Amino acid sequence: MLSGEAAQNLLEVKVKMMQEINNNYQPDAHQQTLAKEFMALCEETQVLHADNPLTEEEIAEEIDAYRRGE
């Protein structure tokens, strides 16, 4: 693990790299649409769970069924 001056220098390099990436980022319209749709799906899923939360037992049953290939 790095520490001291070496760690600080590496951090500065990484921060500069991220700043350059962020400055040059040009989002793709199709990817933005997919991201928005995915976020909406996540929100819908969370709402469904809030209305009818799964019990620990139900979750364990789902995991076991998945492991059995069902």
PDB file of N, CA and C in Angstrom:
ATOM      1  N   MET A   1       0.844  -1.169   0.000  1.00  0.00           N
ATOM      2  CA  MET A   1       0.000   0.000   0.000  1.00  0.00           C
ATOM      3  C   MET A   1       0.893   1.236   0.000  1.00  0.00           C
ATOM      4  N   LEU A   2       0.495   2.210  -0.785  1.00  0.00           N
ATOM      5  CA  LEU A   2       1.252   3.457  -0.853  1.00  0.00           C
ATOM      6  C   LEU A   2       0.888   4.374   0.303  1.00  0.00           C
ATOM      7  N   SER A   3       1.848   5.166   0.699  1.00  0.00           N
ATOM      8  CA  SER A   3       1.563   6.177   1.719  1.00  0.00           C
ATOM      9  C   SER A   3       2.504   7.349   1.505  1.00  0.00           C
ATOM     10  N   GLY A   4       2.234   8.407   2.205  1.00  0.00           N
ATOM     11  CA  GLY A   4       3.103   9.569   2.155  1.00  0.00           C
ATOM     12  C   GLY A   4       3.086  10.275   0.817  1.00  0.00           C
ATOM     13  N   GLU A   5       4.259  10.718   0.391  1.00  0.00           N
ATOM     14  CA  GLU A   5       4.384  11.511  -0.825  1.00  0.00           C
ATOM     15  C   GLU A   5       3.999  10.712  -2.066  1.00  0.00           C
ATOM     16  N   ALA A   6       4.360   9.440  -2.115  1.00  0.00           N
ATOM     17  CA  ALA A   6       4.018   8.607  -3.275  1.00  0.00           C
ATOM     18  C   ALA A   6       2.507   8.497  -3.435  1.00  0.00           C
ATOM     19  N   ALA A   7       1.808   8.311  -2.334  1.00  0.00           N
ATOM     20  CA  ALA A   7       0.348   8.214  -2.380  1.00  0.00           C
ATOM     21  C   ALA A   7      -0.264   9.541  -2.815  1.00  0.00           C
ATOM     22  N   GLN A   8       0.265  10.632  -2.311  1.00  0.00           N
ATOM     23  CA  GLN A   8      -0.245  11.958  -2.676  1.00  0.00           C
ATOM     24  C   GLN A   8      -0.038  12.221  -4.160  1.00  0.00           C
ATOM     25  N   ASN A   9       1.133  11.860  -4.686  1.00  0.00           N
ATOM     26  CA  ASN A   9       1.416  12.051  -6.111  1.00  0.00           C
ATOM     27  C   ASN A   9       0.474  11.217  -6.972  1.00  0.00           C
ATOM     28  N   LEU A  10       0.263   9.977  -6.585  1.00  0.00           N
ATOM     29  CA  LEU A  10      -0.647   9.110  -7.336  1.00  0.00           C
ATOM     30  C   LEU A  10      -2.065   9.667  -7.304  1.00  0.00           C
ATOM     31  N   LEU A  11      -2.487  10.149  -6.151  1.00  0.00           N
ATOM     32  CA  LEU A  11      -3.817  10.742  -6.035  1.00  0.00           C
ATOM     33  C   LEU A  11      -3.955  11.941  -6.966  1.00  0.00           C
ATOM     34  N   GLU A  12      -2.959  12.790  -7.015  1.00  0.00           N
ATOM     35  CA  GLU A  12      -3.007  13.962  -7.886  1.00  0.00           C
ATOM     36  C   GLU A  12      -3.102  13.560  -9.352  1.00  0.00           C
ATOM     37  N   VAL A  13      -2.363  12.534  -9.747  1.00  0.00           N
ATOM     38  CA  VAL A  13      -2.421  12.046 -11.127  1.00  0.00           C
ATOM     39  C   VAL A  13      -3.819  11.530 -11.440  1.00  0.00           C
ATOM     40  N   LYS A  14      -4.377  10.748 -10.533  1.00  0.00           N
ATOM     41  CA  LYS A  14      -5.712  10.175 -10.751  1.00  0.00           C
ATOM     42  C   LYS A  14      -6.781  11.263 -10.805  1.00  0.00           C
ATOM     43  N   VAL A  15      -6.674  12.264  -9.957  1.00  0.00           N
ATOM     44  CA  VAL A  15      -7.640  13.366  -9.963  1.00  0.00           C
ATOM     45  C   VAL A  15      -7.575  14.110 -11.288  1.00  0.00           C
ATOM     46  N   LYS A  16      -6.366  14.375 -11.786  1.00  0.00           N
ATOM     47  CA  LYS A  16      -6.216  15.051 -13.080  1.00  0.00           C
ATOM     48  C   LYS A  16      -6.816  14.217 -14.205  1.00  0.00           C
ATOM     49  N   MET A  17      -6.596  12.903 -14.154  1.00  0.00           N
ATOM     50  CA  MET A  17      -7.161  12.018 -15.178  1.00  0.00           C
ATOM     51  C   MET A  17      -8.684  12.091 -15.171  1.00  0.00           C
ATOM     52  N   MET A  18      -9.281  12.048 -13.991  1.00  0.00           N
ATOM     53  CA  MET A  18     -10.740  12.096 -13.884  1.00  0.00           C
ATOM     54  C   MET A  18     -11.276  13.442 -14.356  1.00  0.00           C
ATOM     55  N   GLN A  19     -10.571  14.517 -14.057  1.00  0.00           N
ATOM     56  CA  GLN A  19     -10.996  15.836 -14.520  1.00  0.00           C
ATOM     57  C   GLN A  19     -10.979  15.901 -16.043  1.00  0.00           C
ATOM     58  N   GLU A  20      -9.948  15.341 -16.668  1.00  0.00           N
ATOM     59  CA  GLU A  20      -9.870  15.325 -18.127  1.00  0.00           C
ATOM     60  C   GLU A  20     -10.994  14.488 -18.724  1.00  0.00           C
ATOM     61  N   ILE A  21     -11.253  13.355 -18.116  1.00  0.00           N
ATOM     62  CA  ILE A  21     -12.343  12.497 -18.600  1.00  0.00           C
ATOM     63  C   ILE A  21     -13.667  13.238 -18.502  1.00  0.00           C
ATOM     64  N   ASN A  22     -13.918  13.871 -17.367  1.00  0.00           N
ATOM     65  CA  ASN A  22     -15.174  14.600 -17.175  1.00  0.00           C
ATOM     66  C   ASN A  22     -15.303  15.770 -18.143  1.00  0.00           C
ATOM     67  N   ASN A  23     -14.210  16.453 -18.408  1.00  0.00           N
ATOM     68  CA  ASN A  23     -14.247  17.596 -19.327  1.00  0.00           C
ATOM     69  C   ASN A  23     -14.493  17.164 -20.764  1.00  0.00           C
ATOM     70  N   ASN A  24     -14.033  15.984 -21.132  1.00  0.00           N
ATOM     71  CA  ASN A  24     -14.160  15.501 -22.505  1.00  0.00           C
ATOM     72  C   ASN A  24     -15.383  14.615 -22.723  1.00  0.00           C
ATOM     73  N   TYR A  25     -16.144  14.361 -21.674  1.00  0.00           N
ATOM     74  CA  TYR A  25     -17.281  13.437 -21.762  1.00  0.00           C
ATOM     75  C   TYR A  25     -18.396  14.033 -22.608  1.00  0.00           C
ATOM     76  N   GLN A  26     -18.827  13.264 -23.596  1.00  0.00           N
ATOM     77  CA  GLN A  26     -19.957  13.650 -24.434  1.00  0.00           C
ATOM     78  C   GLN A  26     -20.936  12.483 -24.440  1.00  0.00           C
ATOM     79  N   PRO A  27     -21.997  12.591 -23.674  1.00  0.00           N
ATOM     80  CA  PRO A  27     -22.920  11.465 -23.541  1.00  0.00           C
ATOM     81  C   PRO A  27     -23.624  11.136 -24.851  1.00  0.00           C
ATOM     82  N   ASP A  28     -23.809   9.868 -25.061  1.00  0.00           N
ATOM     83  CA  ASP A  28     -24.524   9.360 -26.219  1.00  0.00           C
ATOM     84  C   ASP A  28     -26.022   9.425 -25.911  1.00  0.00           C
ATOM     85  N   ALA A  29     -26.810   9.943 -26.830  1.00  0.00           N
ATOM     86  CA  ALA A  29     -28.254  10.111 -26.604  1.00  0.00           C
ATOM     87  C   ALA A  29     -28.924   8.774 -26.316  1.00  0.00           C
ATOM     88  N   HIS A  30     -28.538   7.735 -27.036  1.00  0.00           N
ATOM     89  CA  HIS A  30     -29.137   6.407 -26.821  1.00  0.00           C
ATOM     90  C   HIS A  30     -28.802   5.891 -25.422  1.00  0.00           C
ATOM     91  N   GLN A  31     -27.554   6.061 -25.002  1.00  0.00           N
ATOM     92  CA  GLN A  31     -27.156   5.624 -23.667  1.00  0.00           C
ATOM     93  C   GLN A  31     -27.890   6.412 -22.591  1.00  0.00           C
ATOM     94  N   GLN A  32     -28.107   7.703 -22.819  1.00  0.00           N
ATOM     95  CA  GLN A  32     -28.850   8.510 -21.849  1.00  0.00           C
ATOM     96  C   GLN A  32     -30.282   8.007 -21.724  1.00  0.00           C
ATOM     97  N   THR A  33     -30.897   7.666 -22.851  1.00  0.00           N
ATOM     98  CA  THR A  33     -32.263   7.148 -22.834  1.00  0.00           C
ATOM     99  C   THR A  33     -32.316   5.841 -22.066  1.00  0.00           C
ATOM    100  N   LEU A  34     -31.371   4.944 -22.347  1.00  0.00           N
ATOM    101  CA  LEU A  34     -31.331   3.666 -21.637  1.00  0.00           C
ATOM    102  C   LEU A  34     -31.129   3.876 -20.138  1.00  0.00           C
ATOM    103  N   ALA A  35     -30.268   4.803 -19.779  1.00  0.00           N
ATOM    104  CA  ALA A  35     -30.015   5.075 -18.365  1.00  0.00           C
ATOM    105  C   ALA A  35     -31.272   5.593 -17.672  1.00  0.00           C
ATOM    106  N   LYS A  36     -32.008   6.488 -18.332  1.00  0.00           N
ATOM    107  CA  LYS A  36     -33.251   7.011 -17.754  1.00  0.00           C
ATOM    108  C   LYS A  36     -34.284   5.907 -17.592  1.00  0.00           C
ATOM    109  N   GLU A  37     -34.394   5.036 -18.606  1.00  0.00           N
ATOM    110  CA  GLU A  37     -35.345   3.928 -18.527  1.00  0.00           C
ATOM    111  C   GLU A  37     -34.965   2.966 -17.409  1.00  0.00           C
ATOM    112  N   PHE A  38     -33.668   2.718 -17.256  1.00  0.00           N
ATOM    113  CA  PHE A  38     -33.204   1.834 -16.192  1.00  0.00           C
ATOM    114  C   PHE A  38     -33.509   2.427 -14.822  1.00  0.00           C
ATOM    115  N   MET A  39     -33.262   3.714 -14.661  1.00  0.00           N
ATOM    116  CA  MET A  39     -33.557   4.372 -13.385  1.00  0.00           C
ATOM    117  C   MET A  39     -35.050   4.319 -13.071  1.00  0.00           C
ATOM    118  N   ALA A  40     -35.885   4.502 -14.089  1.00  0.00           N
ATOM    119  CA  ALA A  40     -37.334   4.417 -13.887  1.00  0.00           C
ATOM    120  C   ALA A  40     -37.718   3.007 -13.459  1.00  0.00           C
ATOM    121  N   LEU A  41     -37.111   2.002 -14.081  1.00  0.00           N
ATOM    122  CA  LEU A  41     -37.387   0.612 -13.713  1.00  0.00           C
ATOM    123  C   LEU A  41     -36.975   0.347 -12.272  1.00  0.00           C
ATOM    124  N   CYS A  42     -35.824   0.867 -11.876  1.00  0.00           N
ATOM    125  CA  CYS A  42     -35.373   0.698 -10.492  1.00  0.00           C
ATOM    126  C   CYS A  42     -36.352   1.339  -9.512  1.00  0.00           C
ATOM    127  N   GLU A  43     -36.828   2.522  -9.836  1.00  0.00           N
ATOM    128  CA  GLU A  43     -37.780   3.205  -8.959  1.00  0.00           C
ATOM    129  C   GLU A  43     -39.087   2.426  -8.863  1.00  0.00           C
ATOM    130  N   GLU A  44     -39.571   1.911  -9.994  1.00  0.00           N
ATOM    131  CA  GLU A  44     -40.797   1.109  -9.986  1.00  0.00           C
ATOM    132  C   GLU A  44     -40.617  -0.137  -9.129  1.00  0.00           C
ATOM    133  N   THR A  45     -39.465  -0.772  -9.249  1.00  0.00           N
ATOM    134  CA  THR A  45     -39.182  -1.978  -8.476  1.00  0.00           C
ATOM    135  C   THR A  45     -39.161  -1.662  -6.987  1.00  0.00           C
ATOM    136  N   GLN A  46     -38.573  -0.544  -6.619  1.00  0.00           N
ATOM    137  CA  GLN A  46     -38.527  -0.159  -5.215  1.00  0.00           C
ATOM    138  C   GLN A  46     -39.921   0.122  -4.675  1.00  0.00           C
ATOM    139  N   VAL A  47     -40.775   0.730  -5.484  1.00  0.00           N
ATOM    140  CA  VAL A  47     -42.148   1.010  -5.062  1.00  0.00           C
ATOM    141  C   VAL A  47     -42.897  -0.302  -4.837  1.00  0.00           C
ATOM    142  N   LEU A  48     -42.709  -1.257  -5.744  1.00  0.00           N
ATOM    143  CA  LEU A  48     -43.362  -2.557  -5.587  1.00  0.00           C
ATOM    144  C   LEU A  48     -42.932  -3.215  -4.286  1.00  0.00           C
ATOM    145  N   HIS A  49     -41.658  -3.155  -3.999  1.00  0.00           N
ATOM    146  CA  HIS A  49     -41.142  -3.766  -2.777  1.00  0.00           C
ATOM    147  C   HIS A  49     -41.670  -3.038  -1.541  1.00  0.00           C
ATOM    148  N   ALA A  50     -41.811  -1.733  -1.619  1.00  0.00           N
ATOM    149  CA  ALA A  50     -42.300  -0.965  -0.473  1.00  0.00           C
ATOM    150  C   ALA A  50     -43.743  -1.340  -0.146  1.00  0.00           C
ATOM    151  N   ASP A  51     -44.543  -1.607  -1.187  1.00  0.00           N
ATOM    152  CA  ASP A  51     -45.940  -1.974  -0.976  1.00  0.00           C
ATOM    153  C   ASP A  51     -46.100  -3.403  -0.480  1.00  0.00           C
ATOM    154  N   ASN A  52     -45.168  -4.274  -0.850  1.00  0.00           N
ATOM    155  CA  ASN A  52     -45.275  -5.685  -0.495  1.00  0.00           C
ATOM    156  C   ASN A  52     -43.868  -6.234  -0.243  1.00  0.00           C
ATOM    157  N   PRO A  53     -43.271  -5.872   0.886  1.00  0.00           N
ATOM    158  CA  PRO A  53     -41.888  -6.289   1.135  1.00  0.00           C
ATOM    159  C   PRO A  53     -41.752  -7.802   1.293  1.00  0.00           C
ATOM    160  N   LEU A  54     -40.622  -8.323   0.814  1.00  0.00           N
ATOM    161  CA  LEU A  54     -40.336  -9.745   0.948  1.00  0.00           C
ATOM    162  C   LEU A  54     -39.818 -10.024   2.353  1.00  0.00           C
ATOM    163  N   THR A  55     -40.185 -11.183   2.861  1.00  0.00           N
ATOM    164  CA  THR A  55     -39.650 -11.599   4.151  1.00  0.00           C
ATOM    165  C   THR A  55     -38.295 -12.260   3.927  1.00  0.00           C
ATOM    166  N   GLU A  56     -37.539 -12.405   4.988  1.00  0.00           N
ATOM    167  CA  GLU A  56     -36.247 -13.091   4.893  1.00  0.00           C
ATOM    168  C   GLU A  56     -36.448 -14.519   4.393  1.00  0.00           C
ATOM    169  N   GLU A  57     -37.530 -15.151   4.822  1.00  0.00           N
ATOM    170  CA  GLU A  57     -37.823 -16.526   4.403  1.00  0.00           C
ATOM    171  C   GLU A  57     -38.086 -16.589   2.898  1.00  0.00           C
ATOM    172  N   GLU A  58     -38.844 -15.634   2.376  1.00  0.00           N
ATOM    173  CA  GLU A  58     -39.126 -15.605   0.938  1.00  0.00           C
ATOM    174  C   GLU A  58     -37.852 -15.376   0.126  1.00  0.00           C
ATOM    175  N   ILE A  59     -36.997 -14.529   0.631  1.00  0.00           N
ATOM    176  CA  ILE A  59     -35.733 -14.272  -0.056  1.00  0.00           C
ATOM    177  C   ILE A  59     -34.886 -15.540  -0.079  1.00  0.00           C
ATOM    178  N   ALA A  60     -34.811 -16.229   1.055  1.00  0.00           N
ATOM    179  CA  ALA A  60     -34.042 -17.476   1.125  1.00  0.00           C
ATOM    180  C   ALA A  60     -34.612 -18.518   0.168  1.00  0.00           C
ATOM    181  N   GLU A  61     -35.949 -18.600   0.077  1.00  0.00           N
ATOM    182  CA  GLU A  61     -36.576 -19.544  -0.851  1.00  0.00           C
ATOM    183  C   GLU A  61     -36.222 -19.212  -2.297  1.00  0.00           C
ATOM    184  N   GLU A  62     -36.227 -17.930  -2.643  1.00  0.00           N
ATOM    185  CA  GLU A  62     -35.867 -17.504  -4.000  1.00  0.00           C
ATOM    186  C   GLU A  62     -34.417 -17.878  -4.320  1.00  0.00           C
ATOM    187  N   ILE A  63     -33.533 -17.663  -3.370  1.00  0.00           N
ATOM    188  CA  ILE A  63     -32.118 -17.991  -3.577  1.00  0.00           C
ATOM    189  C   ILE A  63     -31.949 -19.489  -3.759  1.00  0.00           C
ATOM    190  N   ASP A  64     -32.604 -20.273  -2.913  1.00  0.00           N
ATOM    191  CA  ASP A  64     -32.513 -21.731  -3.033  1.00  0.00           C
ATOM    192  C   ASP A  64     -33.046 -22.212  -4.375  1.00  0.00           C
ATOM    193  N   ALA A  65     -34.160 -21.650  -4.825  1.00  0.00           N
ATOM    194  CA  ALA A  65     -34.732 -22.036  -6.117  1.00  0.00           C
ATOM    195  C   ALA A  65     -33.770 -21.687  -7.246  1.00  0.00           C
ATOM    196  N   TYR A  66     -33.148 -20.538  -7.166  1.00  0.00           N
ATOM    197  CA  TYR A  66     -32.180 -20.128  -8.192  1.00  0.00           C
ATOM    198  C   TYR A  66     -31.009 -21.103  -8.229  1.00  0.00           C
ATOM    199  N   ARG A  67     -30.528 -21.471  -7.064  1.00  0.00           N
ATOM    200  CA  ARG A  67     -29.390 -22.399  -6.995  1.00  0.00           C
ATOM    201  C   ARG A  67     -29.752 -23.781  -7.520  1.00  0.00           C
ATOM    202  N   ARG A  68     -31.020 -24.150  -7.404  1.00  0.00           N
ATOM    203  CA  ARG A  68     -31.480 -25.438  -7.945  1.00  0.00           C
ATOM    204  C   ARG A  68     -31.733 -25.351  -9.446  1.00  0.00           C
ATOM    205  N   GLY A  69     -31.665 -24.151  -9.990  1.00  0.00           N
ATOM    206  CA  GLY A  69     -31.871 -23.968 -11.420  1.00  0.00           C
ATOM    207  C   GLY A  69     -33.323 -23.798 -11.806  1.00  0.00           C
ATOM    208  N   GLU A  70     -34.147 -23.440 -10.862  1.00  0.00           N
ATOM    209  CA  GLU A  70     -35.580 -23.255 -11.136  1.00  0.00           C
ATOM    210  C   GLU A  70     -35.874 -21.849 -11.593  1.00  0.00           C
TER     211      GLU A  70
END
